N, C-alpha and C. Protein backbone atom coordinates (compact mmCIF):
# COMPACT_ATOMS: atom_id res chain seq x y z
N MET A 1 0.69 -1.43 0.02
CA MET A 1 -0.43 -0.03 -0.03
C MET A 1 0.67 1.02 0.09
N GLU A 2 2.14 1.20 0.93
CA GLU A 2 2.95 2.28 0.78
C GLU A 2 3.34 2.61 -0.80
N LYS A 3 3.85 1.68 -1.28
CA LYS A 3 4.16 2.16 -2.93
C LYS A 3 3.24 2.56 -3.79
N LYS A 4 2.15 2.07 -3.48
CA LYS A 4 0.67 2.07 -4.42
C LYS A 4 0.26 3.85 -3.93
N LEU A 5 0.33 4.10 -2.76
CA LEU A 5 -0.16 5.49 -2.58
C LEU A 5 1.01 6.17 -2.96
N ASP A 6 2.30 6.10 -2.70
CA ASP A 6 3.19 6.88 -3.07
C ASP A 6 3.20 7.32 -4.76
N LEU A 7 3.15 6.16 -5.29
CA LEU A 7 3.00 6.02 -7.08
C LEU A 7 1.58 7.27 -7.35
N LYS A 8 0.54 7.12 -6.68
CA LYS A 8 -0.50 7.71 -7.13
C LYS A 8 -0.61 9.34 -6.61
N VAL A 9 0.15 9.60 -5.62
CA VAL A 9 0.44 10.96 -5.20
C VAL A 9 1.14 11.65 -6.14
N LYS A 10 2.69 10.98 -6.75
CA LYS A 10 3.44 11.15 -8.01
C LYS A 10 3.13 11.38 -9.11
N PHE A 11 1.78 10.57 -9.48
CA PHE A 11 1.11 10.82 -11.01
C PHE A 11 0.24 11.62 -10.77
N LEU A 12 -0.31 12.35 -9.43
CA LEU A 12 -1.20 13.60 -9.22
C LEU A 12 -0.38 15.01 -9.51
N GLN A 13 0.46 14.56 -8.71
CA GLN A 13 1.77 15.97 -8.86
C GLN A 13 2.13 16.29 -10.11
N ALA A 14 2.49 15.20 -11.09
CA ALA A 14 2.70 15.48 -12.14
C ALA A 14 1.64 15.95 -13.19
N ARG A 15 0.39 15.39 -13.06
CA ARG A 15 -0.85 15.66 -13.70
C ARG A 15 -1.48 17.13 -13.84
N TYR A 16 -1.17 17.16 -12.51
CA TYR A 16 -1.60 18.84 -11.80
C TYR A 16 -0.52 19.49 -11.30
N PRO A 17 0.45 19.91 -11.90
CA PRO A 17 1.35 20.61 -11.27
C PRO A 17 1.35 21.81 -10.26
N GLU A 18 0.09 22.44 -10.66
CA GLU A 18 -0.22 23.79 -10.19
C GLU A 18 -1.24 23.58 -9.03
N ALA A 19 -1.47 22.57 -8.78
CA ALA A 19 -2.60 22.01 -7.57
C ALA A 19 -1.85 21.61 -6.59
N GLU A 20 -2.57 21.93 -5.25
CA GLU A 20 -2.26 21.52 -4.18
C GLU A 20 -2.84 19.96 -3.89
N ILE A 21 -1.86 19.14 -3.25
CA ILE A 21 -2.73 17.79 -3.23
C ILE A 21 -2.24 17.28 -1.91
N GLU A 22 -3.21 16.75 -1.11
CA GLU A 22 -3.61 16.29 0.05
C GLU A 22 -4.17 14.76 0.12
N VAL A 23 -3.35 14.11 1.00
CA VAL A 23 -4.05 12.76 0.97
C VAL A 23 -4.87 12.63 2.28
N TRP A 24 -6.07 12.05 2.21
CA TRP A 24 -6.73 12.07 3.37
C TRP A 24 -7.31 10.52 3.47
N GLY A 25 -7.62 9.94 4.86
CA GLY A 25 -8.48 8.79 4.86
C GLY A 25 -9.51 9.17 5.54
N MET A 26 -10.47 8.19 5.14
CA MET A 26 -11.92 8.49 5.31
C MET A 26 -12.62 6.87 5.61
N ASP A 27 -13.49 6.74 6.63
CA ASP A 27 -14.28 5.59 7.02
C ASP A 27 -15.67 5.99 7.69
N GLU A 28 -16.35 4.81 7.85
CA GLU A 28 -17.61 4.85 8.66
C GLU A 28 -17.51 3.87 10.07
N HIS A 29 -18.42 4.69 10.93
CA HIS A 29 -18.31 3.84 12.17
C HIS A 29 -20.00 3.72 12.59
N ARG A 30 -20.16 2.63 13.08
CA ARG A 30 -21.63 2.59 13.53
C ARG A 30 -21.52 2.51 15.28
N LEU A 31 -22.73 3.29 15.68
CA LEU A 31 -22.68 3.51 17.05
C LEU A 31 -24.25 3.64 17.16
N GLY A 32 -24.42 3.56 18.14
CA GLY A 32 -25.92 3.22 18.57
C GLY A 32 -26.17 3.03 20.68
N LEU A 33 -27.44 2.58 20.51
CA LEU A 33 -27.93 2.61 21.91
C LEU A 33 -27.33 1.14 22.60
N HIS A 34 -26.83 0.56 21.72
CA HIS A 34 -25.95 -0.74 22.42
C HIS A 34 -24.88 -0.38 22.83
N PRO A 35 -24.76 -0.59 24.16
CA PRO A 35 -23.57 -0.22 24.91
C PRO A 35 -22.33 -0.48 24.76
N ILE A 36 -21.09 0.47 24.66
CA ILE A 36 -19.81 0.14 24.71
C ILE A 36 -19.41 0.28 26.04
N LEU A 37 -18.71 -1.17 26.57
CA LEU A 37 -18.18 -1.37 27.75
C LEU A 37 -16.57 -1.45 27.64
N ARG A 38 -15.82 -0.47 28.47
CA ARG A 38 -14.68 -0.33 28.61
C ARG A 38 -14.11 -0.87 30.36
N ARG A 39 -12.93 -1.17 30.34
CA ARG A 39 -12.29 -1.09 31.65
C ARG A 39 -12.04 0.22 32.23
N VAL A 40 -12.43 0.43 33.43
CA VAL A 40 -12.23 1.51 34.76
C VAL A 40 -11.32 0.56 35.44
N TRP A 41 -10.49 1.95 36.14
CA TRP A 41 -9.98 1.85 37.65
C TRP A 41 -11.09 1.94 38.50
N VAL A 42 -10.80 1.03 39.85
CA VAL A 42 -11.72 1.03 40.87
C VAL A 42 -10.68 0.69 41.87
N PRO A 43 -11.07 1.09 43.26
CA PRO A 43 -10.17 0.47 44.33
C PRO A 43 -10.31 -0.73 44.82
N GLN A 44 -9.39 -1.33 44.77
CA GLN A 44 -8.92 -2.84 45.11
C GLN A 44 -10.01 -3.47 45.93
N GLY A 45 -10.69 -4.33 45.45
CA GLY A 45 -11.73 -5.12 46.21
C GLY A 45 -13.23 -4.81 45.77
N GLU A 46 -13.19 -3.92 44.99
CA GLU A 46 -14.73 -3.11 44.73
C GLU A 46 -14.79 -3.72 43.20
N GLN A 47 -16.30 -3.95 43.04
CA GLN A 47 -16.82 -4.20 41.59
C GLN A 47 -17.01 -3.32 40.93
N PRO A 48 -16.44 -3.31 39.26
CA PRO A 48 -16.95 -1.85 38.90
C PRO A 48 -18.11 -2.09 38.13
N ILE A 49 -18.97 -0.98 38.08
CA ILE A 49 -20.55 -0.85 38.00
C ILE A 49 -20.45 0.20 36.55
N ALA A 50 -21.51 -0.48 35.28
CA ALA A 50 -21.62 0.45 34.51
C ALA A 50 -23.43 0.20 34.09
N CYS A 51 -23.95 1.24 34.10
CA CYS A 51 -25.62 1.12 34.26
C CYS A 51 -25.78 1.69 32.49
N VAL A 52 -26.39 0.37 32.10
CA VAL A 52 -26.51 0.68 30.75
C VAL A 52 -27.86 -0.12 30.45
N ARG A 53 -28.40 0.55 28.98
CA ARG A 53 -29.66 -0.03 28.92
C ARG A 53 -29.50 0.02 27.52
N GLN A 54 -29.72 -1.71 26.79
CA GLN A 54 -29.34 -2.25 25.78
C GLN A 54 -30.46 -2.04 24.96
N LYS A 55 -29.78 -1.32 23.62
CA LYS A 55 -31.35 -1.09 22.84
C LYS A 55 -30.41 -1.37 21.45
N TYR A 56 -31.31 -2.08 20.30
CA TYR A 56 -30.46 -2.17 18.66
C TYR A 56 -31.09 -1.01 17.91
N GLN A 57 -30.56 -0.07 18.25
CA GLN A 57 -30.95 1.26 17.13
C GLN A 57 -29.49 2.00 16.99
N TRP A 58 -29.08 2.23 15.78
CA TRP A 58 -28.08 2.71 15.21
C TRP A 58 -27.81 3.97 14.38
N MET A 59 -26.70 4.65 14.36
CA MET A 59 -26.32 5.66 13.40
C MET A 59 -25.01 5.48 13.00
N TRP A 60 -24.66 6.27 12.07
CA TRP A 60 -23.53 6.05 11.06
C TRP A 60 -22.57 7.73 11.54
N LEU A 61 -21.63 7.20 12.02
CA LEU A 61 -20.30 8.40 12.10
C LEU A 61 -19.22 8.15 10.99
N TYR A 62 -19.42 9.51 9.89
CA TYR A 62 -18.41 9.37 8.88
C TYR A 62 -17.55 10.27 9.12
N GLY A 63 -16.24 9.72 8.98
CA GLY A 63 -14.99 10.79 9.61
C GLY A 63 -13.88 10.62 8.58
N PHE A 64 -13.53 11.78 8.33
CA PHE A 64 -12.36 12.15 7.53
C PHE A 64 -11.34 12.46 8.21
N VAL A 65 -10.01 11.95 7.86
CA VAL A 65 -8.57 12.55 8.52
C VAL A 65 -7.51 13.21 7.96
N HIS A 66 -6.82 14.04 7.89
CA HIS A 66 -5.94 14.45 7.08
C HIS A 66 -4.74 14.40 7.93
N PRO A 67 -4.24 12.86 7.96
CA PRO A 67 -3.21 12.42 9.07
C PRO A 67 -1.78 13.67 9.08
N GLU A 68 -1.43 14.23 8.03
CA GLU A 68 -0.39 15.22 7.96
C GLU A 68 -0.34 16.44 9.02
N SER A 69 -1.54 16.91 9.08
CA SER A 69 -1.89 17.88 9.66
C SER A 69 -2.67 17.72 10.86
N GLY A 70 -3.52 16.23 11.18
CA GLY A 70 -4.49 15.97 12.30
C GLY A 70 -5.62 16.80 12.00
N GLU A 71 -6.22 17.25 10.83
CA GLU A 71 -7.27 17.90 10.87
C GLU A 71 -8.44 16.63 10.53
N THR A 72 -9.86 17.02 10.90
CA THR A 72 -11.11 16.22 10.66
C THR A 72 -11.81 16.89 10.55
N TYR A 73 -12.96 15.93 9.57
CA TYR A 73 -14.12 16.59 9.24
C TYR A 73 -14.88 15.37 9.14
N TRP A 74 -16.43 15.64 9.79
CA TRP A 74 -17.33 14.69 10.08
C TRP A 74 -18.47 14.82 9.66
N TRP A 75 -19.48 13.79 9.58
CA TRP A 75 -21.08 13.68 9.25
C TRP A 75 -21.53 12.86 10.23
N ILE A 76 -22.63 13.08 10.97
CA ILE A 76 -23.59 11.78 11.22
C ILE A 76 -24.68 11.70 10.93
N LEU A 77 -24.85 10.37 10.16
CA LEU A 77 -26.16 10.15 9.63
C LEU A 77 -26.89 8.83 9.74
N PRO A 78 -27.99 8.38 9.33
CA PRO A 78 -28.72 7.44 10.04
C PRO A 78 -28.31 6.05 8.93
N HIS A 79 -27.65 5.98 8.10
CA HIS A 79 -27.55 5.42 7.07
C HIS A 79 -26.20 4.94 6.67
N VAL A 80 -25.90 4.27 5.66
CA VAL A 80 -24.93 4.02 4.59
C VAL A 80 -25.40 3.39 3.57
N ASN A 81 -24.83 3.97 2.54
CA ASN A 81 -25.46 3.67 1.09
C ASN A 81 -24.85 4.83 -0.20
N THR A 82 -24.79 4.52 -1.28
CA THR A 82 -24.30 4.92 -2.29
C THR A 82 -24.90 6.26 -2.38
N LYS A 83 -26.20 6.66 -2.14
CA LYS A 83 -26.65 7.84 -2.48
C LYS A 83 -26.26 8.85 -1.36
N ILE A 84 -26.07 8.23 -0.03
CA ILE A 84 -25.61 9.53 0.88
C ILE A 84 -24.45 9.30 0.99
N PHE A 85 -23.14 8.37 0.26
CA PHE A 85 -22.04 8.62 0.06
C PHE A 85 -21.54 9.62 -0.73
N ASN A 86 -22.52 9.88 -1.71
CA ASN A 86 -22.20 10.87 -2.79
C ASN A 86 -22.58 12.06 -2.28
N GLN A 87 -23.47 12.69 -1.38
CA GLN A 87 -23.47 13.63 -0.76
C GLN A 87 -22.69 14.27 -0.02
N VAL A 88 -22.13 13.26 0.82
CA VAL A 88 -20.83 13.49 1.64
C VAL A 88 -19.75 13.91 1.04
N LEU A 89 -19.87 13.22 -0.13
CA LEU A 89 -18.25 13.37 -1.04
C LEU A 89 -18.75 14.91 -1.85
N ASP A 90 -19.84 14.83 -2.13
CA ASP A 90 -19.87 16.26 -2.62
C ASP A 90 -19.71 17.62 -1.70
N ASP A 91 -20.07 17.32 -0.47
CA ASP A 91 -20.19 18.16 0.70
C ASP A 91 -18.69 18.42 1.31
N PHE A 92 -17.93 17.23 1.10
CA PHE A 92 -16.19 17.39 1.75
C PHE A 92 -15.80 18.10 0.40
N ALA A 93 -16.38 17.84 -0.68
CA ALA A 93 -15.27 18.78 -1.82
C ALA A 93 -15.88 20.17 -1.68
N THR A 94 -17.00 20.38 -1.79
CA THR A 94 -17.46 21.97 -1.48
C THR A 94 -16.61 22.67 -0.06
N GLU A 95 -16.84 22.15 0.71
CA GLU A 95 -15.83 22.36 1.93
C GLU A 95 -15.01 22.67 1.79
N TYR A 96 -13.68 21.93 0.99
CA TYR A 96 -12.35 22.24 0.95
C TYR A 96 -11.88 22.80 -0.24
N THR A 97 -13.07 23.27 -1.04
CA THR A 97 -13.07 24.03 -2.45
C THR A 97 -11.90 23.46 -3.06
N LEU A 98 -12.32 21.93 -3.34
CA LEU A 98 -11.59 20.92 -4.13
C LEU A 98 -11.85 21.46 -5.80
N GLY A 99 -11.09 21.23 -6.59
CA GLY A 99 -10.85 21.80 -7.95
C GLY A 99 -9.38 21.82 -8.61
N LYS A 100 -9.53 23.01 -9.50
CA LYS A 100 -8.47 23.19 -10.05
C LYS A 100 -7.34 23.25 -9.66
N ASN A 101 -7.34 23.83 -8.06
CA ASN A 101 -6.28 24.50 -7.55
C ASN A 101 -6.01 23.64 -6.28
N LYS A 102 -6.88 22.84 -5.97
CA LYS A 102 -6.57 21.69 -4.81
C LYS A 102 -7.29 20.42 -4.81
N ARG A 103 -6.31 19.47 -4.69
CA ARG A 103 -7.36 17.90 -5.07
C ARG A 103 -6.53 17.39 -3.64
N VAL A 104 -7.66 16.37 -3.63
CA VAL A 104 -7.55 15.40 -2.41
C VAL A 104 -7.74 13.81 -3.04
N LEU A 105 -6.53 13.09 -2.49
CA LEU A 105 -6.34 11.74 -2.59
C LEU A 105 -7.11 11.03 -1.13
N LEU A 106 -8.43 10.35 -1.72
CA LEU A 106 -9.06 9.98 -0.34
C LEU A 106 -8.70 8.70 -0.38
N VAL A 107 -8.24 7.84 0.56
CA VAL A 107 -8.12 6.29 0.89
C VAL A 107 -9.14 6.05 1.65
N ILE A 108 -9.73 4.85 1.05
CA ILE A 108 -11.17 4.37 1.77
C ILE A 108 -10.69 2.82 1.42
N ASP A 109 -11.86 1.99 2.10
CA ASP A 109 -12.09 0.89 1.53
C ASP A 109 -12.90 0.25 0.81
N ARG A 110 -12.99 -1.20 0.71
CA ARG A 110 -13.57 -1.93 -0.55
C ARG A 110 -15.18 -1.87 -0.39
N ALA A 111 -16.34 -1.14 0.72
CA ALA A 111 -17.29 -1.35 1.00
C ALA A 111 -18.11 -1.03 -0.23
N GLY A 112 -19.65 -1.76 -0.17
CA GLY A 112 -20.18 -1.99 -1.51
C GLY A 112 -20.30 -0.49 -2.00
N TRP A 113 -20.90 0.67 -0.87
CA TRP A 113 -21.12 1.86 -1.45
C TRP A 113 -19.74 2.75 -1.78
N HIS A 114 -18.75 2.41 -1.57
CA HIS A 114 -17.91 2.79 -2.10
C HIS A 114 -17.22 2.43 -3.57
N THR A 115 -17.62 1.51 -3.93
CA THR A 115 -17.18 0.93 -5.20
C THR A 115 -18.26 0.90 -6.20
N SER A 116 -19.41 1.44 -5.74
CA SER A 116 -20.83 1.20 -6.91
C SER A 116 -20.77 2.12 -8.05
N HIS A 117 -21.15 1.56 -9.07
CA HIS A 117 -21.07 2.12 -10.15
C HIS A 117 -21.99 3.52 -10.49
N SER A 118 -22.74 3.49 -9.47
CA SER A 118 -23.87 4.75 -9.18
C SER A 118 -22.91 5.91 -8.44
N LEU A 119 -21.60 5.43 -8.04
CA LEU A 119 -20.68 6.70 -7.38
C LEU A 119 -20.56 7.82 -8.12
N LYS A 120 -20.58 9.09 -7.59
CA LYS A 120 -20.11 9.96 -8.42
C LYS A 120 -19.17 10.99 -7.72
N ILE A 121 -18.03 11.04 -8.02
CA ILE A 121 -17.21 11.56 -7.46
C ILE A 121 -16.61 13.14 -7.84
N PRO A 122 -16.69 13.88 -6.90
CA PRO A 122 -16.65 15.84 -7.48
C PRO A 122 -15.32 15.57 -8.20
N GLU A 123 -15.47 16.78 -8.84
CA GLU A 123 -14.28 17.59 -9.59
C GLU A 123 -13.05 17.79 -8.21
N GLY A 124 -11.84 17.35 -8.25
CA GLY A 124 -10.60 17.59 -7.34
C GLY A 124 -10.66 16.63 -6.43
N LEU A 125 -11.30 15.54 -6.55
CA LEU A 125 -11.25 14.08 -5.38
C LEU A 125 -10.88 13.28 -6.46
N ASP A 126 -9.88 12.28 -5.60
CA ASP A 126 -9.59 11.00 -6.24
C ASP A 126 -9.57 10.15 -5.56
N LEU A 127 -9.95 8.91 -5.57
CA LEU A 127 -9.82 7.70 -4.31
C LEU A 127 -9.15 6.75 -4.97
N ILE A 128 -8.61 6.54 -3.60
CA ILE A 128 -7.73 5.00 -3.79
C ILE A 128 -7.89 4.06 -2.87
N TYR A 129 -7.95 2.77 -3.23
CA TYR A 129 -8.98 1.97 -2.24
C TYR A 129 -7.82 1.12 -1.64
N LEU A 130 -7.63 0.76 -0.29
CA LEU A 130 -7.21 -0.14 0.59
C LEU A 130 -7.26 -1.68 -0.11
N PRO A 131 -6.36 -2.61 0.21
CA PRO A 131 -6.31 -3.88 -0.07
C PRO A 131 -7.66 -4.69 0.88
N ALA A 132 -8.10 -5.45 0.30
CA ALA A 132 -9.22 -6.08 1.26
C ALA A 132 -8.80 -6.55 2.36
N THR A 133 -9.81 -6.48 3.53
CA THR A 133 -9.68 -6.65 4.75
C THR A 133 -8.19 -6.15 5.24
N SER A 134 -8.22 -4.97 5.30
CA SER A 134 -7.04 -4.32 5.71
C SER A 134 -7.18 -3.00 6.91
N PRO A 135 -8.11 -3.00 7.40
CA PRO A 135 -8.60 -1.78 8.33
C PRO A 135 -7.19 -1.16 8.98
N GLU A 136 -6.15 -2.41 9.20
CA GLU A 136 -4.92 -1.41 9.92
C GLU A 136 -4.44 -0.30 9.16
N LEU A 137 -4.90 -0.47 7.88
CA LEU A 137 -4.08 0.51 6.92
C LEU A 137 -4.85 2.07 6.76
N GLN A 138 -5.57 1.82 7.30
CA GLN A 138 -6.82 3.02 7.38
C GLN A 138 -6.69 3.92 8.43
N PRO A 139 -6.16 5.32 8.35
CA PRO A 139 -6.01 5.95 9.49
C PRO A 139 -7.37 6.24 10.05
N ALA A 140 -8.00 6.11 9.34
CA ALA A 140 -9.60 6.76 10.17
C ALA A 140 -9.87 5.95 10.94
N GLU A 141 -9.13 4.95 11.05
CA GLU A 141 -10.01 3.55 12.06
C GLU A 141 -9.58 4.15 13.30
N ARG A 142 -8.37 4.48 13.54
CA ARG A 142 -7.66 5.22 14.86
C ARG A 142 -8.33 6.00 15.28
N LEU A 143 -9.70 6.59 14.48
CA LEU A 143 -10.33 8.05 14.96
C LEU A 143 -11.76 7.32 16.01
N TRP A 144 -12.03 5.85 16.00
CA TRP A 144 -13.17 5.07 16.51
C TRP A 144 -13.08 5.32 18.32
N PRO A 145 -11.71 4.61 18.63
CA PRO A 145 -11.64 4.84 19.93
C PRO A 145 -11.90 6.08 20.64
N LEU A 146 -11.48 7.17 20.06
CA LEU A 146 -11.59 8.49 20.85
C LEU A 146 -13.10 9.02 20.37
N THR A 147 -13.73 8.42 19.75
CA THR A 147 -15.40 9.06 19.77
C THR A 147 -15.73 8.41 20.48
N ASN A 148 -15.65 7.12 20.60
CA ASN A 148 -16.36 6.46 21.65
C ASN A 148 -16.24 6.66 22.82
N GLU A 149 -15.28 7.50 23.19
CA GLU A 149 -14.89 7.81 24.48
C GLU A 149 -16.33 8.48 25.35
N ILE A 150 -17.09 9.26 24.59
CA ILE A 150 -18.13 9.98 25.33
C ILE A 150 -19.65 9.31 25.45
N VAL A 151 -19.42 7.83 24.92
CA VAL A 151 -20.65 7.10 25.80
C VAL A 151 -20.01 5.73 25.86
N ALA A 152 -18.61 5.58 26.35
CA ALA A 152 -18.57 4.48 26.62
C ALA A 152 -18.71 4.06 28.28
N ASN A 153 -19.82 2.95 28.84
CA ASN A 153 -19.97 2.63 30.04
C ASN A 153 -21.24 3.80 30.35
N SER A 154 -21.82 3.91 29.32
CA SER A 154 -23.05 5.00 29.79
C SER A 154 -24.09 4.12 28.67
N SER A 155 -25.04 5.02 28.53
CA SER A 155 -26.31 4.67 27.91
C SER A 155 -27.31 5.73 27.43
N PRO A 156 -27.10 6.64 26.40
CA PRO A 156 -27.75 7.58 26.04
C PRO A 156 -29.18 6.97 26.03
N LEU A 157 -30.29 7.80 26.22
CA LEU A 157 -31.78 7.31 26.12
C LEU A 157 -32.06 7.31 24.68
N SER A 158 -31.60 7.95 23.78
CA SER A 158 -32.17 8.18 22.53
C SER A 158 -31.25 8.68 21.24
N LEU A 159 -31.59 7.85 20.47
CA LEU A 159 -30.59 8.44 19.03
C LEU A 159 -30.03 10.14 19.25
N ASP A 160 -31.58 10.68 19.30
CA ASP A 160 -31.14 12.27 19.42
C ASP A 160 -30.17 12.47 20.50
N GLU A 161 -30.06 11.94 21.66
CA GLU A 161 -29.30 12.43 22.68
C GLU A 161 -27.79 11.96 22.13
N LEU A 162 -27.68 10.30 21.70
CA LEU A 162 -26.40 10.08 21.03
C LEU A 162 -26.09 10.88 20.12
N GLU A 163 -26.92 11.44 19.43
CA GLU A 163 -26.33 12.58 18.48
C GLU A 163 -25.76 13.53 18.98
N GLU A 164 -26.38 14.52 20.02
CA GLU A 164 -25.97 15.55 21.06
C GLU A 164 -24.66 14.97 21.34
N LEU A 165 -24.57 14.11 21.83
CA LEU A 165 -22.97 13.85 22.19
C LEU A 165 -22.11 13.68 21.31
N LEU A 166 -22.30 13.10 20.16
CA LEU A 166 -21.52 12.97 19.07
C LEU A 166 -20.85 13.89 18.57
N VAL A 167 -22.10 14.83 18.34
CA VAL A 167 -21.60 16.43 18.08
C VAL A 167 -20.80 16.90 18.85
N PHE A 168 -21.08 17.30 19.85
CA PHE A 168 -19.76 17.77 20.97
C PHE A 168 -18.65 16.92 20.81
N ARG A 169 -18.42 15.69 21.20
CA ARG A 169 -17.09 14.92 21.21
C ARG A 169 -16.25 15.20 19.70
N CYS A 170 -16.99 15.28 18.50
CA CYS A 170 -16.40 15.71 17.40
C CYS A 170 -15.80 16.90 17.17
N GLN A 171 -16.52 18.08 17.61
CA GLN A 171 -16.06 19.17 17.78
C GLN A 171 -14.58 19.44 18.58
N GLN A 172 -14.78 18.71 19.66
CA GLN A 172 -13.74 18.64 20.47
C GLN A 172 -12.35 18.07 19.61
N LEU A 173 -12.61 16.99 18.90
CA LEU A 173 -11.27 16.18 18.14
C LEU A 173 -11.37 17.38 17.05
N MET A 174 -12.20 18.10 16.79
CA MET A 174 -11.65 19.01 15.38
C MET A 174 -10.40 19.91 15.95
N LYS A 175 -10.45 20.14 17.15
CA LYS A 175 -9.46 21.20 17.80
C LYS A 175 -8.44 20.61 18.10
N GLN A 176 -8.18 19.14 18.17
CA GLN A 176 -6.99 18.46 19.08
C GLN A 176 -6.01 17.89 17.74
N HIS A 177 -5.73 18.84 17.06
CA HIS A 177 -4.86 18.34 15.95
C HIS A 177 -3.50 17.40 16.12
N ASP A 178 -2.85 17.62 16.99
CA ASP A 178 -1.73 17.21 17.80
C ASP A 178 -2.31 15.99 17.98
N LEU A 179 -3.00 15.55 18.72
CA LEU A 179 -3.49 14.40 19.05
C LEU A 179 -4.08 13.15 18.13
N ILE A 180 -4.65 14.06 16.93
CA ILE A 180 -5.02 13.14 15.90
C ILE A 180 -4.12 12.68 14.88
N GLN A 181 -3.17 13.59 14.78
CA GLN A 181 -1.70 13.63 13.71
C GLN A 181 -0.93 12.44 14.60
N GLY A 182 -0.97 12.36 15.78
CA GLY A 182 -0.02 11.46 16.45
C GLY A 182 -0.47 10.16 16.21
N LEU A 183 -1.71 10.20 16.19
CA LEU A 183 -2.25 8.60 16.36
C LEU A 183 -2.40 8.10 14.76
N THR A 184 -2.52 9.09 13.91
CA THR A 184 -2.92 8.42 12.28
C THR A 184 -1.79 8.89 11.25
N CYS A 185 -0.92 9.76 11.28
CA CYS A 185 -0.03 9.86 10.97
C CYS A 185 0.94 8.52 10.70
N PHE A 186 0.56 7.67 9.96
CA PHE A 186 1.90 6.62 9.76
C PHE A 186 2.95 6.73 9.36
N HIS A 187 4.32 6.10 9.76
CA HIS A 187 5.42 6.48 9.12
C HIS A 187 5.54 6.65 7.51
N TRP A 188 4.82 5.93 6.94
CA TRP A 188 4.76 5.90 5.54
C TRP A 188 3.50 6.60 4.85
N TRP A 189 3.15 7.49 5.64
CA TRP A 189 2.24 7.96 4.96
C TRP A 189 2.64 9.29 4.13
N PRO A 190 2.20 9.36 3.10
CA PRO A 190 2.70 10.77 1.99
C PRO A 190 2.70 12.01 2.90
N GLN A 191 4.09 12.65 2.64
CA GLN A 191 4.15 14.07 3.19
C GLN A 191 4.17 14.94 1.61
N THR A 192 3.14 15.71 1.74
CA THR A 192 2.66 16.72 0.50
C THR A 192 3.04 18.13 0.26
N ARG A 193 3.08 18.30 2.09
CA ARG A 193 3.25 20.00 2.23
C ARG A 193 4.20 20.61 1.65
N GLY A 194 3.91 21.31 0.82
CA GLY A 194 5.36 21.89 0.37
C GLY A 194 5.82 21.75 -1.14
N VAL A 195 5.26 20.60 -1.39
CA VAL A 195 5.87 19.96 -2.60
C VAL A 195 5.42 20.73 -3.53
N GLN A 196 4.56 21.03 -3.81
CA GLN A 196 3.84 21.73 -5.16
C GLN A 196 4.61 23.07 -5.08
N LEU A 197 4.80 23.96 -4.04
CA LEU A 197 5.95 25.21 -3.79
C LEU A 197 6.87 25.10 -4.49
N SER A 198 7.64 24.04 -4.15
CA SER A 198 8.80 23.91 -4.54
C SER A 198 8.95 23.37 -5.93
N ALA A 199 8.07 22.85 -6.62
CA ALA A 199 7.93 22.53 -7.93
C ALA A 199 7.73 23.75 -8.71
N ILE A 200 6.82 24.57 -8.24
CA ILE A 200 6.31 25.40 -9.10
C ILE A 200 7.62 26.49 -9.47
N ALA A 201 8.03 27.06 -8.02
CA ALA A 201 9.36 27.75 -7.85
C ALA A 201 10.46 27.88 -9.04
């Protein structure tokens, strides 16, 4: 994957010499009213207790990460499918003004809605797929333990309450660039900052 990603970045830099190129990762994570249990510290001899209410209702957290800077971008949605994924990609391209002067190479897995023939890829966005069954290569996978913290060992009463908690948590994480960078910027991840400037000069 390291060589494949590096070759794709070099290809884009050669094809779009005046554009800024960034490499992001993206994944989806299911959360719901089914409790997430974690170990906790308690005094010796005491039994840890977590009050939870188990329900099978779900929502999906869409997470984008730029490992080189630690920047993140989030969507909270009720489902995963190609139609919704198209909307998310379009919004991402608009938010980061992708196009002639800026392009993003987005690393994603091979989920059905990521590979559908109905997928509409916005201008300025290029996709590169991870090898099958290789979540350890996806930096966005490192986000989920951080987002889960807000609901670990507790039970939101409804999906609306869960959404409020997730919005708050994602807003916190959007400010913690150093933490995100430290967790997601693998040693082999392409470094693109300043490359275009030196090529143009």
